Amino acid sequence: MKQETLKEIGKGLINFANIVGGLSIINGFFGQSHNIPQGLITGIVIYFVFVLYIAGAVLINKGADK
């Protein structure tokens, strides 16, 4: 892939992580409660956001190096 493509995909992953994090906070305040424990949901969201941020940063750096 080209440099700019990798950079834009990395930016998109970081933006997607922001959206997931924001929507999970909003859902925590206004959403319905489910049978899954709140701590498990929080852990999954934190892990997902962390992985997306790392993947986005790696792709941005890979696009900048070429």
C-alpha atoms as a PDB file:
ATOM      1  CA  MET A   1       0.000   0.000   0.000  1.00  0.00           C
ATOM      2  CA  LYS A   2       1.035   3.575  -0.466  1.00  0.00           C
ATOM      3  CA  GLN A   3       2.188   5.854   2.333  1.00  0.00           C
ATOM      4  CA  GLU A   4      -0.893   8.027   2.440  1.00  0.00           C
ATOM      5  CA  THR A   5      -3.191   5.008   2.418  1.00  0.00           C
ATOM      6  CA  LEU A   6      -1.500   3.559   5.496  1.00  0.00           C
ATOM      7  CA  LYS A   7      -1.663   6.912   7.272  1.00  0.00           C
ATOM      8  CA  GLU A   8      -5.356   7.345   6.507  1.00  0.00           C
ATOM      9  CA  ILE A   9      -6.204   3.798   7.620  1.00  0.00           C
ATOM     10  CA  GLY A  10      -4.322   4.470  10.860  1.00  0.00           C
ATOM     11  CA  LYS A  11      -6.246   7.696  11.407  1.00  0.00           C
ATOM     12  CA  GLY A  12      -9.481   5.854  10.688  1.00  0.00           C
ATOM     13  CA  LEU A  13      -8.685   3.206  13.308  1.00  0.00           C
ATOM     14  CA  ILE A  14      -7.974   5.861  15.918  1.00  0.00           C
ATOM     15  CA  ASN A  15     -11.226   7.645  15.037  1.00  0.00           C
ATOM     16  CA  PHE A  16     -13.113   4.353  15.247  1.00  0.00           C
ATOM     17  CA  ALA A  17     -11.609   3.773  18.703  1.00  0.00           C
ATOM     18  CA  ASN A  18     -12.839   7.215  19.773  1.00  0.00           C
ATOM     19  CA  ILE A  19     -16.336   6.440  18.505  1.00  0.00           C
ATOM     20  CA  VAL A  20     -16.448   3.057  20.269  1.00  0.00           C
ATOM     21  CA  GLY A  21     -15.237   4.587  23.523  1.00  0.00           C
ATOM     22  CA  GLY A  22     -17.676   7.474  23.352  1.00  0.00           C
ATOM     23  CA  LEU A  23     -20.660   5.334  22.480  1.00  0.00           C
ATOM     24  CA  SER A  24     -19.867   2.874  25.267  1.00  0.00           C
ATOM     25  CA  ILE A  25     -19.818   5.745  27.781  1.00  0.00           C
ATOM     26  CA  ILE A  26     -23.145   7.047  26.490  1.00  0.00           C
ATOM     27  CA  ASN A  27     -24.591   3.530  26.551  1.00  0.00           C
ATOM     28  CA  GLY A  28     -23.402   3.163  30.144  1.00  0.00           C
ATOM     29  CA  PHE A  29     -25.449   6.191  31.177  1.00  0.00           C
ATOM     30  CA  PHE A  30     -28.561   5.684  29.061  1.00  0.00           C
ATOM     31  CA  GLY A  31     -28.544   2.041  27.942  1.00  0.00           C
ATOM     32  CA  GLN A  32     -30.369  -0.959  29.291  1.00  0.00           C
ATOM     33  CA  SER A  33     -28.691  -3.251  31.760  1.00  0.00           C
ATOM     34  CA  HIS A  34     -27.901  -6.758  30.519  1.00  0.00           C
ATOM     35  CA  ASN A  35     -26.954 -10.041  32.125  1.00  0.00           C
ATOM     36  CA  ILE A  36     -23.250  -9.441  31.412  1.00  0.00           C
ATOM     37  CA  PRO A  37     -21.377  -7.864  34.355  1.00  0.00           C
ATOM     38  CA  GLN A  38     -20.472  -4.206  33.906  1.00  0.00           C
ATOM     39  CA  GLY A  39     -16.796  -4.887  34.685  1.00  0.00           C
ATOM     40  CA  LEU A  40     -16.540  -7.379  31.831  1.00  0.00           C
ATOM     41  CA  ILE A  41     -18.049  -4.949  29.354  1.00  0.00           C
ATOM     42  CA  THR A  42     -15.729  -2.184  30.553  1.00  0.00           C
ATOM     43  CA  GLY A  43     -12.708  -4.446  30.212  1.00  0.00           C
ATOM     44  CA  ILE A  44     -13.640  -5.487  26.701  1.00  0.00           C
ATOM     45  CA  VAL A  45     -14.163  -1.871  25.599  1.00  0.00           C
ATOM     46  CA  ILE A  46     -10.882  -0.718  27.163  1.00  0.00           C
ATOM     47  CA  TYR A  47      -9.018  -3.592  25.488  1.00  0.00           C
ATOM     48  CA  PHE A  48     -10.689  -2.878  22.115  1.00  0.00           C
ATOM     49  CA  VAL A  49      -9.899   0.847  22.259  1.00  0.00           C
ATOM     50  CA  PHE A  50      -6.303   0.161  23.353  1.00  0.00           C
ATOM     51  CA  VAL A  51      -5.718  -2.306  20.506  1.00  0.00           C
ATOM     52  CA  LEU A  52      -7.220   0.060  17.928  1.00  0.00           C
ATOM     53  CA  TYR A  53      -5.052   2.956  19.139  1.00  0.00           C
ATOM     54  CA  ILE A  54      -1.908   0.816  18.942  1.00  0.00           C
ATOM     55  CA  ALA A  55      -2.820  -0.506  15.471  1.00  0.00           C
ATOM     56  CA  GLY A  56      -3.554   3.031  14.254  1.00  0.00           C
ATOM     57  CA  ALA A  57      -0.260   4.370  15.590  1.00  0.00           C
ATOM     58  CA  VAL A  58       1.673   1.490  13.998  1.00  0.00           C
ATOM     59  CA  LEU A  59       0.035   2.100  10.617  1.00  0.00           C
ATOM     60  CA  ILE A  60       0.677   5.849  10.802  1.00  0.00           C
ATOM     61  CA  ASN A  61       4.339   5.227  11.632  1.00  0.00           C
ATOM     62  CA  LYS A  62       4.651   2.618   8.877  1.00  0.00           C
ATOM     63  CA  GLY A  63       3.187   5.095   6.388  1.00  0.00           C
ATOM     64  CA  ALA A  64       5.586   7.808   7.513  1.00  0.00           C
ATOM     65  CA  ASP A  65       8.668   5.577   7.208  1.00  0.00           C
ATOM     66  CA  LYS A  66       8.294   4.572   3.564  1.00  0.00           C
END
